[in-house]
Amino acid sequence: MRKLHLMKIRYSERVITDFPVIFSGDSFVGEGTVRNVSVPGCAIVSNRAVEPGTYLEMKVLMPDSGPSLSVELAKIRWRRGRRFGVEFIRMPGADQVRLGRLIKRHRGLKVATRLHHARMLHFR
């Protein structure tokens, strides 16, 4: 019998990051690095052992001069070694706006870089 492999389609662009994060569950606190982020969640690398299904509160240190990005409620969806994926469930409106701006700004930089490279190739 053949096994079917279903692929989840990503509906939001991921931004590669290197942001420090502090997270806590009911009975633990951990720290790590956000390696990529999108509107619905992020991937974190940490030495703290975590389990999928665990709910977290998170504070992410952003590159702007504002306060930490606050995620009031998040859920760990997967884990592979020291890396795990988190879904954002509840986040203050101002932090949602900041995250959206970060992703939009990154997307703009990516497009500008591609255009620059295309022009450089064209004029060689």
Protein backbone atom coordinates (compact mmCIF):
# COMPACT_ATOMS: atom_id res chain seq x y z
CA MET A 1 0.00 0.00 0.00
CA ARG A 2 1.33 3.45 -0.94
CA LYS A 3 1.73 6.08 1.72
CA LEU A 4 0.53 9.59 0.91
CA HIS A 5 2.58 12.53 2.11
CA LEU A 6 0.61 15.70 2.60
CA MET A 7 2.38 19.02 2.45
CA LYS A 8 1.19 22.00 4.46
CA ILE A 9 1.10 25.16 2.39
CA ARG A 10 2.68 28.16 4.11
CA TYR A 11 0.35 31.14 3.98
CA SER A 12 2.71 33.73 5.40
CA GLU A 13 6.28 34.63 4.51
CA ARG A 14 8.99 33.72 7.02
CA VAL A 15 11.65 36.26 7.94
CA ILE A 16 15.09 34.92 8.94
CA THR A 17 16.03 36.41 12.31
CA ASP A 18 18.46 36.17 15.19
CA PHE A 19 16.38 37.64 18.04
CA PRO A 20 16.86 36.68 21.72
CA VAL A 21 13.71 35.28 23.36
CA ILE A 22 12.63 34.42 26.89
CA PHE A 23 9.73 32.02 27.23
CA SER A 24 7.88 30.42 30.11
CA GLY A 25 5.42 27.60 30.61
CA ASP A 26 3.46 26.59 33.71
CA SER A 27 6.51 25.23 35.52
CA PHE A 28 9.59 26.39 33.63
CA VAL A 29 11.44 29.33 32.10
CA GLY A 30 13.78 29.13 29.13
CA GLU A 31 15.70 31.31 26.75
CA GLY A 32 16.76 30.91 23.17
CA THR A 33 16.96 32.53 19.76
CA VAL A 34 14.14 33.16 17.31
CA ARG A 35 15.58 31.89 14.00
CA ASN A 36 12.62 32.83 11.80
CA VAL A 37 9.31 34.54 12.32
CA SER A 38 6.07 34.98 10.40
CA VAL A 39 2.68 36.41 11.30
CA PRO A 40 1.33 33.13 12.70
CA GLY A 41 4.44 31.97 14.58
CA CYS A 42 8.18 31.40 14.78
CA ALA A 43 10.98 28.84 15.08
CA ILE A 44 13.17 28.92 18.17
CA VAL A 45 16.49 27.27 19.02
CA SER A 46 17.05 26.66 22.73
CA ASN A 47 18.90 24.37 25.11
CA ARG A 48 15.69 24.16 27.19
CA ALA A 49 13.84 20.89 26.58
CA VAL A 50 10.22 21.51 25.57
CA GLU A 51 7.31 19.33 24.46
CA PRO A 52 4.83 19.88 21.62
CA GLY A 53 1.43 20.92 22.96
CA THR A 54 2.92 23.08 25.73
CA TYR A 55 1.55 26.62 26.09
CA LEU A 56 4.01 29.49 26.52
CA GLU A 57 4.29 33.17 27.23
CA MET A 58 7.13 34.85 25.30
CA LYS A 59 9.15 38.09 25.20
CA VAL A 60 11.17 38.64 22.01
CA LEU A 61 13.91 41.28 21.89
CA MET A 62 13.33 43.13 18.61
CA PRO A 63 15.98 45.07 16.64
CA ASP A 64 14.07 48.37 16.94
CA SER A 65 14.41 50.54 20.03
CA GLY A 66 10.96 49.60 21.36
CA PRO A 67 10.13 47.26 24.21
CA SER A 68 10.23 43.49 23.82
CA LEU A 69 7.58 41.98 21.56
CA SER A 70 5.07 40.30 23.84
CA VAL A 71 3.31 37.05 23.00
CA GLU A 72 0.78 36.47 25.75
CA LEU A 73 -0.12 32.94 24.62
CA ALA A 74 1.65 30.61 22.21
CA LYS A 75 1.64 26.85 21.61
CA ILE A 76 4.57 24.60 20.74
CA ARG A 77 3.55 22.74 17.59
CA TRP A 78 6.68 20.67 16.83
CA ARG A 79 10.18 19.94 18.08
CA ARG A 80 13.30 18.56 16.39
CA GLY A 81 16.31 18.41 18.66
CA ARG A 82 16.98 21.89 20.03
CA ARG A 83 14.66 23.56 17.50
CA PHE A 84 10.90 24.00 17.96
CA GLY A 85 8.01 25.75 16.24
CA VAL A 86 5.57 28.02 18.04
CA GLU A 87 2.14 29.22 16.97
CA PHE A 88 1.13 32.68 18.23
CA ILE A 89 -2.36 32.54 19.76
CA ARG A 90 -2.70 35.86 21.63
CA MET A 91 -0.58 38.98 21.16
CA PRO A 92 -1.33 42.64 22.00
CA GLY A 93 -2.49 44.69 18.99
CA ALA A 94 0.52 47.03 19.06
CA ASP A 95 2.88 44.03 18.94
CA GLN A 96 0.92 42.50 16.04
CA VAL A 97 1.41 45.77 14.15
CA ARG A 98 5.17 45.81 14.92
CA LEU A 99 5.55 42.22 13.75
CA GLY A 100 3.59 42.96 10.55
CA ARG A 101 5.81 45.99 9.84
CA LEU A 102 8.98 43.95 10.39
CA ILE A 103 7.82 41.32 7.90
CA LYS A 104 6.66 43.95 5.38
CA ARG A 105 9.97 45.84 5.67
CA HIS A 106 11.93 42.61 5.18
CA ARG A 107 9.83 41.70 2.13
CA GLY A 108 10.55 45.17 0.66
CA LEU A 109 14.29 44.71 1.23
CA LYS A 110 14.17 41.29 -0.43
CA VAL A 111 12.44 42.69 -3.53
CA ALA A 112 14.89 45.62 -3.72
CA THR A 113 17.85 43.21 -3.46
CA ARG A 114 16.44 41.00 -6.22
CA LEU A 115 15.93 44.04 -8.48
CA HIS A 116 19.50 45.21 -7.79
CA HIS A 117 20.91 41.76 -8.67
CA ALA A 118 18.77 41.57 -11.82
CA ARG A 119 20.04 44.98 -12.95
CA MET A 120 23.65 43.98 -12.25
CA LEU A 121 23.25 40.83 -14.36
CA HIS A 122 21.57 42.77 -17.15
CA PHE A 123 24.35 45.39 -17.42
CA ARG A 124 27.32 43.04 -17.35
